[in-house]
C-alpha atoms as a PDB file:
ATOM      1  CA  UNK A   1      11.571  22.789   8.577  1.00  0.00           C
ATOM      2  CA  UNK A   2      10.927  19.069   8.842  1.00  0.00           C
ATOM      3  CA  UNK A   3      11.708  18.540   5.153  1.00  0.00           C
ATOM      4  CA  UNK A   4      14.410  20.555   3.390  1.00  0.00           C
ATOM      5  CA  UNK A   5      15.359  18.385   0.406  1.00  0.00           C
ATOM      6  CA  UNK A   6      14.101  15.384  -1.528  1.00  0.00           C
ATOM      7  CA  UNK A   7      16.411  13.372  -3.783  1.00  0.00           C
ATOM      8  CA  UNK A   8      15.188  10.932  -6.421  1.00  0.00           C
ATOM      9  CA  UNK A   9      17.478   7.916  -6.637  1.00  0.00           C
ATOM     10  CA  UNK A  10      16.648   7.262 -10.283  1.00  0.00           C
ATOM     11  CA  UNK A  11      19.817   5.268 -10.935  1.00  0.00           C
ATOM     12  CA  UNK A  12      18.383   2.611  -8.606  1.00  0.00           C
ATOM     13  CA  UNK A  13      14.860   2.417 -10.065  1.00  0.00           C
ATOM     14  CA  UNK A  14      13.796  -1.243 -10.300  1.00  0.00           C
ATOM     15  CA  UNK A  15      11.892  -0.815 -13.578  1.00  0.00           C
ATOM     16  CA  UNK A  16      12.034   1.566 -16.520  1.00  0.00           C
ATOM     17  CA  UNK A  17       8.766   0.812 -18.295  1.00  0.00           C
ATOM     18  CA  UNK A  18       6.350   0.458 -15.373  1.00  0.00           C
ATOM     19  CA  UNK A  19       4.509   3.198 -13.495  1.00  0.00           C
ATOM     20  CA  UNK A  20       5.673   5.246 -11.638  1.00  0.00           C
ATOM     21  CA  UNK A  21       9.267   4.612 -12.677  1.00  0.00           C
ATOM     22  CA  UNK A  22       8.459   5.182 -16.350  1.00  0.00           C
ATOM     23  CA  UNK A  23       7.612   8.849 -15.752  1.00  0.00           C
ATOM     24  CA  UNK A  24      10.275  11.190 -17.115  1.00  0.00           C
ATOM     25  CA  UNK A  25       9.561  13.606 -14.263  1.00  0.00           C
ATOM     26  CA  UNK A  26      11.033  11.091 -11.803  1.00  0.00           C
ATOM     27  CA  UNK A  27      13.784   9.808 -14.076  1.00  0.00           C
ATOM     28  CA  UNK A  28      15.123  13.290 -14.904  1.00  0.00           C
ATOM     29  CA  UNK A  29      14.601  15.230 -11.660  1.00  0.00           C
ATOM     30  CA  UNK A  30      17.527  14.900  -9.269  1.00  0.00           C
ATOM     31  CA  UNK A  31      16.189  16.778  -6.262  1.00  0.00           C
ATOM     32  CA  UNK A  32      13.616  19.249  -4.940  1.00  0.00           C
ATOM     33  CA  UNK A  33      14.469  21.734  -2.204  1.00  0.00           C
ATOM     34  CA  UNK A  34      11.942  22.996   0.340  1.00  0.00           C
ATOM     35  CA  UNK A  35      12.797  26.476   1.567  1.00  0.00           C
ATOM     36  CA  UNK A  36       9.494  27.761   2.939  1.00  0.00           C
ATOM     37  CA  UNK A  37       6.755  26.535   5.264  1.00  0.00           C
ATOM     38  CA  UNK A  38       4.297  26.083   2.360  1.00  0.00           C
ATOM     39  CA  UNK A  39       5.234  24.317  -0.893  1.00  0.00           C
ATOM     40  CA  UNK A  40       2.810  23.498  -3.695  1.00  0.00           C
ATOM     41  CA  UNK A  41       3.061  20.730  -6.285  1.00  0.00           C
ATOM     42  CA  UNK A  42       1.206  21.609  -9.499  1.00  0.00           C
ATOM     43  CA  UNK A  43       0.835  20.019 -12.922  1.00  0.00           C
ATOM     44  CA  UNK A  44      -1.553  18.279 -15.266  1.00  0.00           C
ATOM     45  CA  UNK A  45      -3.288  15.085 -14.204  1.00  0.00           C
ATOM     46  CA  UNK A  46      -0.925  12.137 -14.419  1.00  0.00           C
ATOM     47  CA  UNK A  47       2.299  14.086 -13.952  1.00  0.00           C
ATOM     48  CA  UNK A  48       3.139  12.380 -10.638  1.00  0.00           C
ATOM     49  CA  UNK A  49       2.274  14.981  -7.983  1.00  0.00           C
ATOM     50  CA  UNK A  50       0.124  12.737  -5.804  1.00  0.00           C
ATOM     51  CA  UNK A  51       2.445   9.778  -6.316  1.00  0.00           C
ATOM     52  CA  UNK A  52       5.418  11.740  -5.002  1.00  0.00           C
ATOM     53  CA  UNK A  53       3.374  13.152  -2.116  1.00  0.00           C
ATOM     54  CA  UNK A  54       2.429   9.615  -1.060  1.00  0.00           C
ATOM     55  CA  UNK A  55       6.059   8.531  -1.364  1.00  0.00           C
ATOM     56  CA  UNK A  56       7.130  11.333   1.000  1.00  0.00           C
ATOM     57  CA  UNK A  57       4.548  10.144   3.527  1.00  0.00           C
ATOM     58  CA  UNK A  58       5.672   6.530   3.360  1.00  0.00           C
ATOM     59  CA  UNK A  59       9.363   7.466   3.541  1.00  0.00           C
ATOM     60  CA  UNK A  60       8.668   9.694   6.559  1.00  0.00           C
ATOM     61  CA  UNK A  61       6.690   7.023   8.382  1.00  0.00           C
ATOM     62  CA  UNK A  62       3.484   9.080   8.159  1.00  0.00           C
ATOM     63  CA  UNK A  63       0.465   6.799   8.078  1.00  0.00           C
ATOM     64  CA  UNK A  64      -1.880   6.822   5.072  1.00  0.00           C
ATOM     65  CA  UNK A  65      -5.425   5.818   6.058  1.00  0.00           C
ATOM     66  CA  UNK A  66      -6.121   3.405   3.219  1.00  0.00           C
ATOM     67  CA  UNK A  67      -8.880   0.843   2.953  1.00  0.00           C
ATOM     68  CA  UNK A  68      -7.999  -2.811   2.601  1.00  0.00           C
ATOM     69  CA  UNK A  69      -6.940  -3.562  -0.992  1.00  0.00           C
ATOM     70  CA  UNK A  70      -9.489  -5.215  -3.261  1.00  0.00           C
ATOM     71  CA  UNK A  71      -9.010  -7.415  -6.283  1.00  0.00           C
ATOM     72  CA  UNK A  72      -7.917  -5.546  -9.405  1.00  0.00           C
ATOM     73  CA  UNK A  73      -7.892  -6.324 -13.107  1.00  0.00           C
ATOM     74  CA  UNK A  74      -4.177  -5.566 -13.294  1.00  0.00           C
ATOM     75  CA  UNK A  75      -2.009  -5.306 -10.192  1.00  0.00           C
ATOM     76  CA  UNK A  76       1.107  -3.172 -10.555  1.00  0.00           C
ATOM     77  CA  UNK A  77       3.776  -4.477  -8.139  1.00  0.00           C
ATOM     78  CA  UNK A  78       5.649  -1.152  -8.253  1.00  0.00           C
ATOM     79  CA  UNK A  79       2.710   1.243  -7.846  1.00  0.00           C
ATOM     80  CA  UNK A  80       3.442   2.225  -4.228  1.00  0.00           C
ATOM     81  CA  UNK A  81       7.209   1.608  -4.234  1.00  0.00           C
ATOM     82  CA  UNK A  82       8.545   5.047  -5.175  1.00  0.00           C
ATOM     83  CA  UNK A  83       9.266   5.802  -1.504  1.00  0.00           C
ATOM     84  CA  UNK A  84      11.980   3.138  -1.545  1.00  0.00           C
ATOM     85  CA  UNK A  85      13.886   5.185  -4.128  1.00  0.00           C
ATOM     86  CA  UNK A  86      13.813   8.659  -2.624  1.00  0.00           C
ATOM     87  CA  UNK A  87      15.963  10.206   0.121  1.00  0.00           C
ATOM     88  CA  UNK A  88      14.723  12.944   2.448  1.00  0.00           C
ATOM     89  CA  UNK A  89      16.736  15.574   4.306  1.00  0.00           C
ATOM     90  CA  UNK A  90      15.428  17.757   7.102  1.00  0.00           C
ATOM     91  CA  UNK A  91      15.687  18.911  10.685  1.00  0.00           C
ATOM     92  CA  UNK A  92      14.670  16.547  13.426  1.00  0.00           C
ATOM     93  CA  UNK A  93      12.135  13.742  13.614  1.00  0.00           C
ATOM     94  CA  UNK A  94       9.361  13.836  11.038  1.00  0.00           C
ATOM     95  CA  UNK A  95       5.816  13.586  12.311  1.00  0.00           C
ATOM     96  CA  UNK A  96       2.583  14.756  10.819  1.00  0.00           C
ATOM     97  CA  UNK A  97      -0.320  13.655   8.671  1.00  0.00           C
ATOM     98  CA  UNK A  98      -1.284  12.749   5.104  1.00  0.00           C
ATOM     99  CA  UNK A  99      -4.624  13.962   3.729  1.00  0.00           C
ATOM    100  CA  UNK A 100      -6.412  13.023   0.518  1.00  0.00           C
ATOM    101  CA  UNK A 101     -10.131  13.538   0.063  1.00  0.00           C
ATOM    102  CA  UNK A 102     -10.693  10.079  -1.448  1.00  0.00           C
ATOM    103  CA  UNK A 103      -9.400   8.356   1.708  1.00  0.00           C
ATOM    104  CA  UNK A 104     -10.694  10.853   4.267  1.00  0.00           C
ATOM    105  CA  UNK A 105     -14.049   9.062   4.566  1.00  0.00           C
ATOM    106  CA  UNK A 106     -12.213   5.901   5.630  1.00  0.00           C
ATOM    107  CA  UNK A 107     -10.513   7.859   8.442  1.00  0.00           C
ATOM    108  CA  UNK A 108     -13.825   9.448   9.481  1.00  0.00           C
ATOM    109  CA  UNK A 109     -15.473   5.997   9.639  1.00  0.00           C
ATOM    110  CA  UNK A 110     -12.684   4.683  11.849  1.00  0.00           C
ATOM    111  CA  UNK A 111     -12.898   7.730  14.108  1.00  0.00           C
ATOM    112  CA  UNK A 112     -16.605   7.037  14.666  1.00  0.00           C
ATOM    113  CA  UNK A 113     -15.786   3.433  15.580  1.00  0.00           C
ATOM    114  CA  UNK A 114     -13.232   4.658  18.143  1.00  0.00           C
ATOM    115  CA  UNK A 115     -15.741   7.170  19.524  1.00  0.00           C
ATOM    116  CA  UNK A 116     -18.277   4.411  20.114  1.00  0.00           C
ATOM    117  CA  UNK A 117     -15.848   2.986  22.700  1.00  0.00           C
ATOM    118  CA  UNK A 118     -14.188   6.263  23.735  1.00  0.00           C
ATOM    119  CA  UNK A 119     -16.285   9.416  23.055  1.00  0.00           C
ATOM    120  CA  UNK A 120     -13.382  11.580  24.248  1.00  0.00           C
ATOM    121  CA  UNK A 121     -11.531  10.756  21.003  1.00  0.00           C
ATOM    122  CA  UNK A 122     -13.849  13.240  19.260  1.00  0.00           C
ATOM    123  CA  UNK A 123     -12.453  16.047  21.431  1.00  0.00           C
ATOM    124  CA  UNK A 124      -9.530  16.244  19.008  1.00  0.00           C
ATOM    125  CA  UNK A 125     -11.903  17.067  16.135  1.00  0.00           C
ATOM    126  CA  UNK A 126     -14.328  19.611  17.546  1.00  0.00           C
ATOM    127  CA  UNK A 127     -16.291  17.257  19.845  1.00  0.00           C
ATOM    128  CA  UNK A 128     -18.551  16.014  17.051  1.00  0.00           C
ATOM    129  CA  UNK A 129     -18.579  13.198  14.536  1.00  0.00           C
ATOM    130  CA  UNK A 130     -16.992  14.113  11.221  1.00  0.00           C
ATOM    131  CA  UNK A 131     -19.705  12.032   9.530  1.00  0.00           C
ATOM    132  CA  UNK A 132     -22.465  14.329  10.807  1.00  0.00           C
ATOM    133  CA  UNK A 133     -21.234  17.319   8.821  1.00  0.00           C
ATOM    134  CA  UNK A 134     -21.108  18.177   5.150  1.00  0.00           C
ATOM    135  CA  UNK A 135     -18.110  16.979   3.190  1.00  0.00           C
ATOM    136  CA  UNK A 136     -16.477  20.419   3.245  1.00  0.00           C
ATOM    137  CA  UNK A 137     -17.329  21.088   6.893  1.00  0.00           C
ATOM    138  CA  UNK A 138     -15.804  17.779   7.980  1.00  0.00           C
ATOM    139  CA  UNK A 139     -12.618  18.554   6.064  1.00  0.00           C
ATOM    140  CA  UNK A 140     -12.289  21.975   7.688  1.00  0.00           C
ATOM    141  CA  UNK A 141     -12.987  20.528  11.148  1.00  0.00           C
ATOM    142  CA  UNK A 142     -10.161  18.066  10.600  1.00  0.00           C
ATOM    143  CA  UNK A 143      -7.780  20.784   9.334  1.00  0.00           C
ATOM    144  CA  UNK A 144      -8.548  23.253  12.124  1.00  0.00           C
ATOM    145  CA  UNK A 145      -7.928  20.694  14.851  1.00  0.00           C
ATOM    146  CA  UNK A 146      -5.116  18.630  13.367  1.00  0.00           C
ATOM    147  CA  UNK A 147      -2.936  21.557  12.244  1.00  0.00           C
ATOM    148  CA  UNK A 148      -2.604  22.731  15.844  1.00  0.00           C
ATOM    149  CA  UNK A 149      -0.102  19.905  16.323  1.00  0.00           C
ATOM    150  CA  UNK A 150       3.472  20.619  15.116  1.00  0.00           C
ATOM    151  CA  UNK A 151       4.516  18.513  12.153  1.00  0.00           C
ATOM    152  CA  UNK A 152       4.763  17.940   8.405  1.00  0.00           C
ATOM    153  CA  UNK A 153       1.396  17.983   6.634  1.00  0.00           C
ATOM    154  CA  UNK A 154       1.054  16.415   3.199  1.00  0.00           C
ATOM    155  CA  UNK A 155      -2.197  17.441   1.509  1.00  0.00           C
ATOM    156  CA  UNK A 156      -3.454  15.984  -1.773  1.00  0.00           C
ATOM    157  CA  UNK A 157      -5.949  18.416  -3.350  1.00  0.00           C
ATOM    158  CA  UNK A 158      -7.465  19.660  -0.056  1.00  0.00           C
ATOM    159  CA  UNK A 159      -9.694  22.038  -2.040  1.00  0.00           C
ATOM    160  CA  UNK A 160     -11.852  19.229  -3.480  1.00  0.00           C
ATOM    161  CA  UNK A 161     -14.782  19.645  -1.083  1.00  0.00           C
ATOM    162  CA  UNK A 162     -14.275  23.326  -0.263  1.00  0.00           C
ATOM    163  CA  UNK A 163     -16.153  26.295  -1.683  1.00  0.00           C
ATOM    164  CA  UNK A 164     -14.070  29.313  -2.782  1.00  0.00           C
ATOM    165  CA  UNK A 165     -14.953  31.041   0.496  1.00  0.00           C
ATOM    166  CA  UNK A 166     -13.801  28.025   2.508  1.00  0.00           C
ATOM    167  CA  UNK A 167     -10.584  27.858   0.501  1.00  0.00           C
ATOM    168  CA  UNK A 168      -9.864  31.405   1.666  1.00  0.00           C
ATOM    169  CA  UNK A 169     -10.506  30.226   5.228  1.00  0.00           C
ATOM    170  CA  UNK A 170      -7.976  27.457   4.657  1.00  0.00           C
ATOM    171  CA  UNK A 171      -5.415  30.058   3.551  1.00  0.00           C
ATOM    172  CA  UNK A 172      -6.022  31.985   6.776  1.00  0.00           C
ATOM    173  CA  UNK A 173      -5.543  28.765   8.718  1.00  0.00           C
ATOM    174  CA  UNK A 174      -2.201  28.154   6.958  1.00  0.00           C
ATOM    175  CA  UNK A 175      -1.106  31.634   7.972  1.00  0.00           C
ATOM    176  CA  UNK A 176      -2.072  31.148  11.635  1.00  0.00           C
ATOM    177  CA  UNK A 177      -0.483  27.751  12.130  1.00  0.00           C
ATOM    178  CA  UNK A 178       2.781  28.489  10.294  1.00  0.00           C
ATOM    179  CA  UNK A 179       3.384  31.667  12.304  1.00  0.00           C
ATOM    180  CA  UNK A 180       4.952  29.690  15.160  1.00  0.00           C
ATOM    181  CA  UNK A 181       7.400  27.954  12.816  1.00  0.00           C
ATOM    182  CA  UNK A 182       6.400  24.440  13.927  1.00  0.00           C
ATOM    183  CA  UNK A 183       4.267  23.385  10.947  1.00  0.00           C
ATOM    184  CA  UNK A 184       5.244  22.688   7.328  1.00  0.00           C
ATOM    185  CA  UNK A 185       2.949  21.943   4.379  1.00  0.00           C
ATOM    186  CA  UNK A 186       3.536  20.219   1.052  1.00  0.00           C
ATOM    187  CA  UNK A 187       0.359  20.437  -1.015  1.00  0.00           C
ATOM    188  CA  UNK A 188      -0.658  19.032  -4.393  1.00  0.00           C
ATOM    189  CA  UNK A 189      -3.380  21.283  -5.784  1.00  0.00           C
ATOM    190  CA  UNK A 190      -5.233  22.596  -8.834  1.00  0.00           C
ATOM    191  CA  UNK A 191      -6.674  25.580  -6.960  1.00  0.00           C
ATOM    192  CA  UNK A 192      -5.607  29.089  -8.062  1.00  0.00           C
ATOM    193  CA  UNK A 193      -6.934  30.359  -4.720  1.00  0.00           C
ATOM    194  CA  UNK A 194      -4.640  28.152  -2.633  1.00  0.00           C
ATOM    195  CA  UNK A 195      -1.694  28.832  -4.945  1.00  0.00           C
ATOM    196  CA  UNK A 196      -1.994  32.541  -4.161  1.00  0.00           C
ATOM    197  CA  UNK A 197      -0.761  31.928  -0.606  1.00  0.00           C
ATOM    198  CA  UNK A 198       1.894  34.618   0.038  1.00  0.00           C
ATOM    199  CA  UNK A 199       5.540  33.534   0.070  1.00  0.00           C
ATOM    200  CA  UNK A 200       4.791  29.933  -0.919  1.00  0.00           C
ATOM    201  CA  UNK A 201       7.001  28.014  -3.330  1.00  0.00           C
ATOM    202  CA  UNK A 202       5.333  26.442  -6.361  1.00  0.00           C
ATOM    203  CA  UNK A 203       6.943  23.363  -7.953  1.00  0.00           C
ATOM    204  CA  UNK A 204       5.627  22.676 -11.448  1.00  0.00           C
ATOM    205  CA  UNK A 205       5.525  19.076 -12.679  1.00  0.00           C
ATOM    206  CA  UNK A 206       4.704  20.371 -16.165  1.00  0.00           C
ATOM    207  CA  UNK A 207       8.448  20.878 -16.677  1.00  0.00           C
ATOM    208  CA  UNK A 208      11.100  18.174 -16.760  1.00  0.00           C
ATOM    209  CA  UNK A 209      12.905  18.344 -14.421  1.00  0.00           C
ATOM    210  CA  UNK A 210      10.568  19.867 -11.819  1.00  0.00           C
ATOM    211  CA  UNK A 211      10.865  23.655 -11.869  1.00  0.00           C
ATOM    212  CA  UNK A 212       9.983  26.397  -9.361  1.00  0.00           C
ATOM    213  CA  UNK A 213       7.586  28.921 -10.921  1.00  0.00           C
ATOM    214  CA  UNK A 214       5.895  32.177  -9.932  1.00  0.00           C
ATOM    215  CA  UNK A 215       2.147  32.299  -9.321  1.00  0.00           C
ATOM    216  CA  UNK A 216       1.509  34.408 -12.420  1.00  0.00           C
ATOM    217  CA  UNK A 217       3.365  31.850 -14.563  1.00  0.00           C
ATOM    218  CA  UNK A 218       0.991  29.021 -13.734  1.00  0.00           C
ATOM    219  CA  UNK A 219      -1.709  27.836 -16.132  1.00  0.00           C
ATOM    220  CA  UNK A 220      -4.125  27.948 -13.209  1.00  0.00           C
ATOM    221  CA  UNK A 221      -3.708  31.702 -12.857  1.00  0.00           C
ATOM    222  CA  UNK A 222      -3.728  32.442 -16.595  1.00  0.00           C
ATOM    223  CA  UNK A 223      -6.646  30.194 -17.560  1.00  0.00           C
ATOM    224  CA  UNK A 224      -8.915  31.306 -14.698  1.00  0.00           C
ATOM    225  CA  UNK A 225      -8.036  34.975 -15.298  1.00  0.00           C
ATOM    226  CA  UNK A 226      -8.745  34.734 -19.031  1.00  0.00           C
ATOM    227  CA  UNK A 227     -11.945  32.736 -18.521  1.00  0.00           C
ATOM    228  CA  UNK A 228     -13.368  35.177 -15.987  1.00  0.00           C
ATOM    229  CA  UNK A 229     -12.571  38.226 -18.097  1.00  0.00           C
ATOM    230  CA  UNK A 230     -13.652  36.743 -21.458  1.00  0.00           C
ATOM    231  CA  UNK A 231     -15.656  33.574 -20.921  1.00  0.00           C
ATOM    232  CA  UNK A 232     -17.484  33.987 -24.248  1.00  0.00           C
ATOM    233  CA  UNK A 233     -14.260  33.140 -26.088  1.00  0.00           C
ATOM    234  CA  UNK A 234     -13.921  29.860 -24.165  1.00  0.00           C
ATOM    235  CA  UNK A 235     -17.597  28.916 -24.464  1.00  0.00           C
ATOM    236  CA  UNK A 236     -18.160  29.979 -28.048  1.00  0.00           C
ATOM    237  CA  UNK A 237     -17.757  26.501 -29.525  1.00  0.00           C
ATOM    238  CA  UNK A 238     -20.003  24.691 -27.047  1.00  0.00           C
END
């Protein structure tokens, strides 16, 4: 396990009324423990899942493939600073990768630029450009090749471009690569398919402080189950 515990140093937060330090989830959660190879972060939009996932990456020294910043109407000086106010515990040196679908295209563009000078660089991703595949196919090609390398993998909504069938393939990939005990995942997701991964821990950001919940307790399970068995009730007012 590369990551076994995360502590939020909320007594040291530099601001109390500015995002992300104004979120109660960060101000009132002391720590999160990671006991299994696969941990999910769940919660409504805006609860801080992706923000904390990015902070783990920055604190661990894991690169985030971001484009150059552009001018913004309002620049928040604290937006990316949560990593300065968390502490991580784990075994050994942390290495790995951060994935988010909105920045994946930037990585794929850079990979093509490298391949123009060194075609062998594509051998790490199935010997073909990631830009010459569908969105979902390029994501799976990246996952299948990258996850062979031991490390900590931080995934922000990896299901975004994947069909339900491909999400099941991703679950099978998780099972294969964690079997050797050299890979750990922390995943922010809204997918009830991914959340069904056996023996995973699910951390809900819908509770303050963050709480571990069972799969059947999640809104994702209950809402999808009820919709599929009685969709007329949900669609009756449309």
